[in-house]
Amino acid sequence: MQAQLAKWGNSLGVRIPRDIARRAGLTPGTAVEIEAEGRRIVITPSLKQVFALSDLLAGMTPEAMHDAFDWGPDQGRENVE
């Protein structure tokens, strides 16, 4: 199947036909990796996982955070209890 490149800002854009996108598992908003291999352009779904901050901080407590950032004994007024 052929497509035509179009100017998109300072870049070039190409539309991916619906059937090809479906067969590749691509949907609107899918993150992709784009690389050049010789004269070929390869587009693959990104394997990088996106995390929500709430998921990353699940189970964190002030006590656990204190152990993560222990810079030694308090020196002055920073001692908060």
PDB file of N, CA and C in Angstrom:
ATOM      1  N   MET A   1       0.840  -1.168   0.000  1.00  0.00           N
ATOM      2  CA  MET A   1       0.000   0.000   0.000  1.00  0.00           C
ATOM      3  C   MET A   1       0.886   1.231   0.000  1.00  0.00           C
ATOM      4  N   GLN A   2       0.524   2.225  -0.766  1.00  0.00           N
ATOM      5  CA  GLN A   2       1.310   3.456  -0.840  1.00  0.00           C
ATOM      6  C   GLN A   2       0.621   4.574  -0.078  1.00  0.00           C
ATOM      7  N   ALA A   3       1.420   5.495   0.426  1.00  0.00           N
ATOM      8  CA  ALA A   3       0.926   6.689   1.107  1.00  0.00           C
ATOM      9  C   ALA A   3       1.798   7.853   0.678  1.00  0.00           C
ATOM     10  N   GLN A   4       1.361   9.049   0.958  1.00  0.00           N
ATOM     11  CA  GLN A   4       2.115  10.231   0.570  1.00  0.00           C
ATOM     12  C   GLN A   4       2.520  11.006   1.816  1.00  0.00           C
ATOM     13  N   LEU A   5       3.769  11.473   1.845  1.00  0.00           N
ATOM     14  CA  LEU A   5       4.257  12.277   2.964  1.00  0.00           C
ATOM     15  C   LEU A   5       3.689  13.678   2.865  1.00  0.00           C
ATOM     16  N   ALA A   6       3.435  14.284   4.015  1.00  0.00           N
ATOM     17  CA  ALA A   6       2.963  15.663   4.069  1.00  0.00           C
ATOM     18  C   ALA A   6       3.819  16.435   5.062  1.00  0.00           C
ATOM     19  N   LYS A   7       3.975  17.727   4.843  1.00  0.00           N
ATOM     20  CA  LYS A   7       4.737  18.555   5.771  1.00  0.00           C
ATOM     21  C   LYS A   7       3.886  18.786   7.018  1.00  0.00           C
ATOM     22  N   TRP A   8       4.503  18.636   8.185  1.00  0.00           N
ATOM     23  CA  TRP A   8       3.825  18.816   9.469  1.00  0.00           C
ATOM     24  C   TRP A   8       4.768  19.613  10.357  1.00  0.00           C
ATOM     25  N   GLY A   9       4.641  20.922  10.380  1.00  0.00           N
ATOM     26  CA  GLY A   9       5.590  21.783  11.084  1.00  0.00           C
ATOM     27  C   GLY A   9       6.946  21.664  10.416  1.00  0.00           C
ATOM     28  N   ASN A  10       7.976  21.359  11.192  1.00  0.00           N
ATOM     29  CA  ASN A  10       9.317  21.162  10.639  1.00  0.00           C
ATOM     30  C   ASN A  10       9.579  19.702  10.299  1.00  0.00           C
ATOM     31  N   SER A  11       8.555  18.866  10.396  1.00  0.00           N
ATOM     32  CA  SER A  11       8.707  17.428  10.188  1.00  0.00           C
ATOM     33  C   SER A  11       7.879  16.973   9.000  1.00  0.00           C
ATOM     34  N   LEU A  12       7.951  15.689   8.734  1.00  0.00           N
ATOM     35  CA  LEU A  12       7.109  15.061   7.725  1.00  0.00           C
ATOM     36  C   LEU A  12       6.171  14.102   8.424  1.00  0.00           C
ATOM     37  N   GLY A  13       4.968  13.976   7.908  1.00  0.00           N
ATOM     38  CA  GLY A  13       3.993  13.066   8.494  1.00  0.00           C
ATOM     39  C   GLY A  13       3.449  12.129   7.439  1.00  0.00           C
ATOM     40  N   VAL A  14       3.029  10.966   7.860  1.00  0.00           N
ATOM     41  CA  VAL A  14       2.398   9.998   6.963  1.00  0.00           C
ATOM     42  C   VAL A  14       1.209   9.396   7.709  1.00  0.00           C
ATOM     43  N   ARG A  15       0.118   9.180   7.021  1.00  0.00           N
ATOM     44  CA  ARG A  15      -1.047   8.536   7.628  1.00  0.00           C
ATOM     45  C   ARG A  15      -0.887   7.032   7.476  1.00  0.00           C
ATOM     46  N   ILE A  16      -1.183   6.318   8.546  1.00  0.00           N
ATOM     47  CA  ILE A  16      -1.119   4.856   8.513  1.00  0.00           C
ATOM     48  C   ILE A  16      -2.530   4.358   8.230  1.00  0.00           C
ATOM     49  N   PRO A  17      -2.721   3.658   7.116  1.00  0.00           N
ATOM     50  CA  PRO A  17      -4.059   3.158   6.788  1.00  0.00           C
ATOM     51  C   PRO A  17      -4.625   2.294   7.915  1.00  0.00           C
ATOM     52  N   ARG A  18      -5.939   2.362   8.091  1.00  0.00           N
ATOM     53  CA  ARG A  18      -6.626   1.688   9.189  1.00  0.00           C
ATOM     54  C   ARG A  18      -6.308   0.198   9.243  1.00  0.00           C
ATOM     55  N   ASP A  19      -6.328  -0.494   8.109  1.00  0.00           N
ATOM     56  CA  ASP A  19      -6.079  -1.940   8.111  1.00  0.00           C
ATOM     57  C   ASP A  19      -4.670  -2.270   8.592  1.00  0.00           C
ATOM     58  N   ILE A  20      -3.700  -1.491   8.163  1.00  0.00           N
ATOM     59  CA  ILE A  20      -2.310  -1.734   8.591  1.00  0.00           C
ATOM     60  C   ILE A  20      -2.164  -1.429  10.080  1.00  0.00           C
ATOM     61  N   ALA A  21      -2.778  -0.336  10.543  1.00  0.00           N
ATOM     62  CA  ALA A  21      -2.719   0.001  11.962  1.00  0.00           C
ATOM     63  C   ALA A  21      -3.363  -1.105  12.794  1.00  0.00           C
ATOM     64  N   ARG A  22      -4.495  -1.611  12.351  1.00  0.00           N
ATOM     65  CA  ARG A  22      -5.183  -2.677  13.089  1.00  0.00           C
ATOM     66  C   ARG A  22      -4.319  -3.923  13.165  1.00  0.00           C
ATOM     67  N   ARG A  23      -3.721  -4.311  12.041  1.00  0.00           N
ATOM     68  CA  ARG A  23      -2.886  -5.524  12.026  1.00  0.00           C
ATOM     69  C   ARG A  23      -1.641  -5.368  12.889  1.00  0.00           C
ATOM     70  N   ALA A  24      -1.149  -4.137  13.031  1.00  0.00           N
ATOM     71  CA  ALA A  24       0.035  -3.886  13.859  1.00  0.00           C
ATOM     72  C   ALA A  24      -0.325  -3.626  15.316  1.00  0.00           C
ATOM     73  N   GLY A  25      -1.630  -3.552  15.617  1.00  0.00           N
ATOM     74  CA  GLY A  25      -2.051  -3.294  16.990  1.00  0.00           C
ATOM     75  C   GLY A  25      -1.903  -1.844  17.395  1.00  0.00           C
ATOM     76  N   LEU A  26      -1.952  -0.925  16.443  1.00  0.00           N
ATOM     77  CA  LEU A  26      -1.799   0.495  16.733  1.00  0.00           C
ATOM     78  C   LEU A  26      -3.170   1.155  16.850  1.00  0.00           C
ATOM     79  N   THR A  27      -3.335   1.991  17.856  1.00  0.00           N
ATOM     80  CA  THR A  27      -4.558   2.755  18.051  1.00  0.00           C
ATOM     81  C   THR A  27      -4.164   4.205  18.310  1.00  0.00           C
ATOM     82  N   PRO A  28      -5.097   5.143  18.181  1.00  0.00           N
ATOM     83  CA  PRO A  28      -4.754   6.544  18.470  1.00  0.00           C
ATOM     84  C   PRO A  28      -4.179   6.681  19.880  1.00  0.00           C
ATOM     85  N   GLY A  29      -3.066   7.391  19.993  1.00  0.00           N
ATOM     86  CA  GLY A  29      -2.416   7.585  21.281  1.00  0.00           C
ATOM     87  C   GLY A  29      -1.348   6.561  21.608  1.00  0.00           C
ATOM     88  N   THR A  30      -1.208   5.513  20.781  1.00  0.00           N
ATOM     89  CA  THR A  30      -0.181   4.503  21.031  1.00  0.00           C
ATOM     90  C   THR A  30       1.211   5.128  20.873  1.00  0.00           C
ATOM     91  N   ALA A  31       2.084   4.941  21.851  1.00  0.00           N
ATOM     92  CA  ALA A  31       3.470   5.402  21.743  1.00  0.00           C
ATOM     93  C   ALA A  31       4.227   4.451  20.829  1.00  0.00           C
ATOM     94  N   VAL A  32       5.024   5.003  19.932  1.00  0.00           N
ATOM     95  CA  VAL A  32       5.777   4.175  18.998  1.00  0.00           C
ATOM     96  C   VAL A  32       7.242   4.583  18.987  1.00  0.00           C
ATOM     97  N   GLU A  33       8.078   3.653  18.596  1.00  0.00           N
ATOM     98  CA  GLU A  33       9.494   3.906  18.358  1.00  0.00           C
ATOM     99  C   GLU A  33       9.677   4.003  16.846  1.00  0.00           C
ATOM    100  N   ILE A  34      10.426   5.009  16.393  1.00  0.00           N
ATOM    101  CA  ILE A  34      10.684   5.188  14.968  1.00  0.00           C
ATOM    102  C   ILE A  34      12.188   5.176  14.772  1.00  0.00           C
ATOM    103  N   GLU A  35      12.647   4.347  13.844  1.00  0.00           N
ATOM    104  CA  GLU A  35      14.077   4.298  13.563  1.00  0.00           C
ATOM    105  C   GLU A  35      14.308   4.051  12.083  1.00  0.00           C
ATOM    106  N   ALA A  36      15.462   4.472  11.624  1.00  0.00           N
ATOM    107  CA  ALA A  36      15.843   4.255  10.236  1.00  0.00           C
ATOM    108  C   ALA A  36      16.816   3.087  10.186  1.00  0.00           C
ATOM    109  N   GLU A  37      16.546   2.158   9.291  1.00  0.00           N
ATOM    110  CA  GLU A  37      17.451   1.030   9.029  1.00  0.00           C
ATOM    111  C   GLU A  37      17.801   1.090   7.557  1.00  0.00           C
ATOM    112  N   GLY A  38      18.948   1.708   7.293  1.00  0.00           N
ATOM    113  CA  GLY A  38      19.298   1.933   5.889  1.00  0.00           C
ATOM    114  C   GLY A  38      18.295   2.894   5.284  1.00  0.00           C
ATOM    115  N   ARG A  39      17.674   2.493   4.178  1.00  0.00           N
ATOM    116  CA  ARG A  39      16.674   3.328   3.527  1.00  0.00           C
ATOM    117  C   ARG A  39      15.253   2.974   3.980  1.00  0.00           C
ATOM    118  N   ARG A  40      15.122   2.162   5.006  1.00  0.00           N
ATOM    119  CA  ARG A  40      13.807   1.765   5.517  1.00  0.00           C
ATOM    120  C   ARG A  40      13.495   2.532   6.793  1.00  0.00           C
ATOM    121  N   ILE A  41      12.232   2.832   7.009  1.00  0.00           N
ATOM    122  CA  ILE A  41      11.759   3.435   8.251  1.00  0.00           C
ATOM    123  C   ILE A  41      10.954   2.362   8.969  1.00  0.00           C
ATOM    124  N   VAL A  42      11.324   2.068  10.210  1.00  0.00           N
ATOM    125  CA  VAL A  42      10.659   1.021  10.983  1.00  0.00           C
ATOM    126  C   VAL A  42       9.910   1.682  12.143  1.00  0.00           C
ATOM    127  N   ILE A  43       8.624   1.419  12.247  1.00  0.00           N
ATOM    128  CA  ILE A  43       7.777   1.945  13.315  1.00  0.00           C
ATOM    129  C   ILE A  43       7.269   0.760  14.123  1.00  0.00           C
ATOM    130  N   THR A  44       7.557   0.742  15.419  1.00  0.00           N
ATOM    131  CA  THR A  44       7.105  -0.353  16.279  1.00  0.00           C
ATOM    132  C   THR A  44       6.464   0.223  17.537  1.00  0.00           C
ATOM    133  N   PRO A  45       5.461  -0.463  18.081  1.00  0.00           N
ATOM    134  CA  PRO A  45       4.871  -0.001  19.338  1.00  0.00           C
ATOM    135  C   PRO A  45       5.944   0.061  20.417  1.00  0.00           C
ATOM    136  N   SER A  46       5.912   1.120  21.213  1.00  0.00           N
ATOM    137  CA  SER A  46       6.891   1.301  22.273  1.00  0.00           C
ATOM    138  C   SER A  46       6.644   0.298  23.383  1.00  0.00           C
ATOM    139  N   LEU A  47       7.714  -0.276  23.907  1.00  0.00           N
ATOM    140  CA  LEU A  47       7.598  -1.219  25.007  1.00  0.00           C
ATOM    141  C   LEU A  47       7.791  -0.533  26.346  1.00  0.00           C
ATOM    142  N   LYS A  48       8.059   0.776  26.307  1.00  0.00           N
ATOM    143  CA  LYS A  48       8.261   1.505  27.556  1.00  0.00           C
ATOM    144  C   LYS A  48       6.939   1.607  28.286  1.00  0.00           C
ATOM    145  N   GLN A  49       6.980   1.295  29.551  1.00  0.00           N
ATOM    146  CA  GLN A  49       5.783   1.316  30.368  1.00  0.00           C
ATOM    147  C   GLN A  49       5.611   2.699  30.986  1.00  0.00           C
ATOM    148  N   VAL A  50       4.402   3.200  30.995  1.00  0.00           N
ATOM    149  CA  VAL A  50       4.107   4.492  31.587  1.00  0.00           C
ATOM    150  C   VAL A  50       3.470   4.252  32.952  1.00  0.00           C
ATOM    151  N   PHE A  51       3.989   4.927  33.956  1.00  0.00           N
ATOM    152  CA  PHE A  51       3.508   4.745  35.319  1.00  0.00           C
ATOM    153  C   PHE A  51       2.783   5.996  35.790  1.00  0.00           C
ATOM    154  N   ALA A  52       1.782   5.808  36.605  1.00  0.00           N
ATOM    155  CA  ALA A  52       1.106   6.921  37.264  1.00  0.00           C
ATOM    156  C   ALA A  52       1.817   7.172  38.591  1.00  0.00           C
ATOM    157  N   LEU A  53       1.907   8.435  38.975  1.00  0.00           N
ATOM    158  CA  LEU A  53       2.592   8.770  40.218  1.00  0.00           C
ATOM    159  C   LEU A  53       1.958   8.062  41.405  1.00  0.00           C
ATOM    160  N   SER A  54       0.635   7.951  41.404  1.00  0.00           N
ATOM    161  CA  SER A  54      -0.042   7.280  42.524  1.00  0.00           C
ATOM    162  C   SER A  54       0.371   5.811  42.623  1.00  0.00           C
ATOM    163  N   ASP A  55       0.618   5.163  41.486  1.00  0.00           N
ATOM    164  CA  ASP A  55       1.084   3.769  41.510  1.00  0.00           C
ATOM    165  C   ASP A  55       2.509   3.677  42.044  1.00  0.00           C
ATOM    166  N   LEU A  56       3.356   4.626  41.661  1.00  0.00           N
ATOM    167  CA  LEU A  56       4.749   4.601  42.111  1.00  0.00           C
ATOM    168  C   LEU A  56       4.873   4.852  43.614  1.00  0.00           C
ATOM    169  N   LEU A  57       3.953   5.642  44.158  1.00  0.00           N
ATOM    170  CA  LEU A  57       4.029   5.984  45.581  1.00  0.00           C
ATOM    171  C   LEU A  57       3.141   5.119  46.458  1.00  0.00           C
ATOM    172  N   ALA A  58       2.469   4.150  45.881  1.00  0.00           N
ATOM    173  CA  ALA A  58       1.581   3.285  46.668  1.00  0.00           C
ATOM    174  C   ALA A  58       2.391   2.583  47.757  1.00  0.00           C
ATOM    175  N   GLY A  59       1.898   2.648  48.979  1.00  0.00           N
ATOM    176  CA  GLY A  59       2.555   1.975  50.091  1.00  0.00           C
ATOM    177  C   GLY A  59       3.682   2.758  50.733  1.00  0.00           C
ATOM    178  N   MET A  60       4.013   3.940  50.198  1.00  0.00           N
ATOM    179  CA  MET A  60       5.079   4.732  50.809  1.00  0.00           C
ATOM    180  C   MET A  60       4.549   5.406  52.062  1.00  0.00           C
ATOM    181  N   THR A  61       5.351   5.389  53.103  1.00  0.00           N
ATOM    182  CA  THR A  61       4.997   6.029  54.366  1.00  0.00           C
ATOM    183  C   THR A  61       6.087   7.029  54.721  1.00  0.00           C
ATOM    184  N   PRO A  62       5.806   7.963  55.624  1.00  0.00           N
ATOM    185  CA  PRO A  62       6.859   8.894  56.044  1.00  0.00           C
ATOM    186  C   PRO A  62       8.079   8.162  56.609  1.00  0.00           C
ATOM    187  N   GLU A  63       7.846   7.045  57.309  1.00  0.00           N
ATOM    188  CA  GLU A  63       8.968   6.292  57.861  1.00  0.00           C
ATOM    189  C   GLU A  63       9.848   5.715  56.750  1.00  0.00           C
ATOM    190  N   ALA A  64       9.223   5.197  55.706  1.00  0.00           N
ATOM    191  CA  ALA A  64       9.989   4.632  54.597  1.00  0.00           C
ATOM    192  C   ALA A  64      10.746   5.723  53.847  1.00  0.00           C
ATOM    193  N   MET A  65      10.141   6.893  53.718  1.00  0.00           N
ATOM    194  CA  MET A  65      10.810   7.998  53.031  1.00  0.00           C
ATOM    195  C   MET A  65      12.005   8.490  53.841  1.00  0.00           C
ATOM    196  N   HIS A  66      11.908   8.469  55.180  1.00  0.00           N
ATOM    197  CA  HIS A  66      13.018   8.919  56.018  1.00  0.00           C
ATOM    198  C   HIS A  66      14.253   8.051  55.762  1.00  0.00           C
ATOM    199  N   ASP A  67      14.057   6.741  55.635  1.00  0.00           N
ATOM    200  CA  ASP A  67      15.182   5.849  55.374  1.00  0.00           C
ATOM    201  C   ASP A  67      15.787   6.098  53.996  1.00  0.00           C
ATOM    202  N   ALA A  68      14.982   6.520  53.060  1.00  0.00           N
ATOM    203  CA  ALA A  68      15.478   6.757  51.704  1.00  0.00           C
ATOM    204  C   ALA A  68      16.357   7.996  51.632  1.00  0.00           C
ATOM    205  N   PHE A  69      16.147   8.967  52.548  1.00  0.00           N
ATOM    206  CA  PHE A  69      16.877  10.230  52.497  1.00  0.00           C
ATOM    207  C   PHE A  69      17.542  10.516  53.833  1.00  0.00           C
ATOM    208  N   ASP A  70      18.364   9.618  54.303  1.00  0.00           N
ATOM    209  CA  ASP A  70      19.049   9.810  55.579  1.00  0.00           C
ATOM    210  C   ASP A  70      20.397  10.478  55.318  1.00  0.00           C
ATOM    211  N   TRP A  71      20.504  11.764  55.707  1.00  0.00           N
ATOM    212  CA  TRP A  71      21.750  12.490  55.507  1.00  0.00           C
ATOM    213  C   TRP A  71      22.523  12.649  56.810  1.00  0.00           C
ATOM    214  N   GLY A  72      22.220  11.816  57.771  1.00  0.00           N
ATOM    215  CA  GLY A  72      22.922  11.895  59.039  1.00  0.00           C
ATOM    216  C   GLY A  72      22.073  12.593  60.088  1.00  0.00           C
ATOM    217  N   PRO A  73      22.672  12.807  61.264  1.00  0.00           N
ATOM    218  CA  PRO A  73      21.899  13.395  62.368  1.00  0.00           C
ATOM    219  C   PRO A  73      21.534  14.856  62.060  1.00  0.00           C
ATOM    220  N   ASP A  74      20.413  15.305  62.647  1.00  0.00           N
ATOM    221  CA  ASP A  74      19.974  16.680  62.485  1.00  0.00           C
ATOM    222  C   ASP A  74      21.022  17.614  63.075  1.00  0.00           C
ATOM    223  N   GLN A  75      21.216  18.777  62.467  1.00  0.00           N
ATOM    224  CA  GLN A  75      22.228  19.719  62.900  1.00  0.00           C
ATOM    225  C   GLN A  75      21.654  20.952  63.583  1.00  0.00           C
ATOM    226  N   GLY A  76      20.372  21.220  63.346  1.00  0.00           N
ATOM    227  CA  GLY A  76      19.803  22.448  63.906  1.00  0.00           C
ATOM    228  C   GLY A  76      18.305  22.375  63.974  1.00  0.00           C
ATOM    229  N   ARG A  77      17.627  23.384  63.426  1.00  0.00           N
ATOM    230  CA  ARG A  77      16.188  23.505  63.556  1.00  0.00           C
ATOM    231  C   ARG A  77      15.419  22.593  62.598  1.00  0.00           C
ATOM    232  N   GLU A  78      16.100  21.805  61.774  1.00  0.00           N
ATOM    233  CA  GLU A  78      15.375  20.934  60.841  1.00  0.00           C
ATOM    234  C   GLU A  78      14.737  19.724  61.529  1.00  0.00           C
ATOM    235  N   ASN A  79      15.012  19.500  62.794  1.00  0.00           N
ATOM    236  CA  ASN A  79      14.444  18.382  63.534  1.00  0.00           C
ATOM    237  C   ASN A  79      12.960  18.639  63.756  1.00  0.00           C
ATOM    238  N   VAL A  80      12.113  17.885  63.051  1.00  0.00           N
ATOM    239  CA  VAL A  80      10.659  18.054  63.151  1.00  0.00           C
ATOM    240  C   VAL A  80      10.088  16.756  63.670  1.00  0.00           C
ATOM    241  N   GLU A  81       9.286  16.864  64.739  1.00  0.00           N
ATOM    242  CA  GLU A  81       8.692  15.646  65.290  1.00  0.00           C
ATOM    243  C   GLU A  81       7.224  15.801  65.429  1.00  0.00           C
TER     244      GLU A  81
END
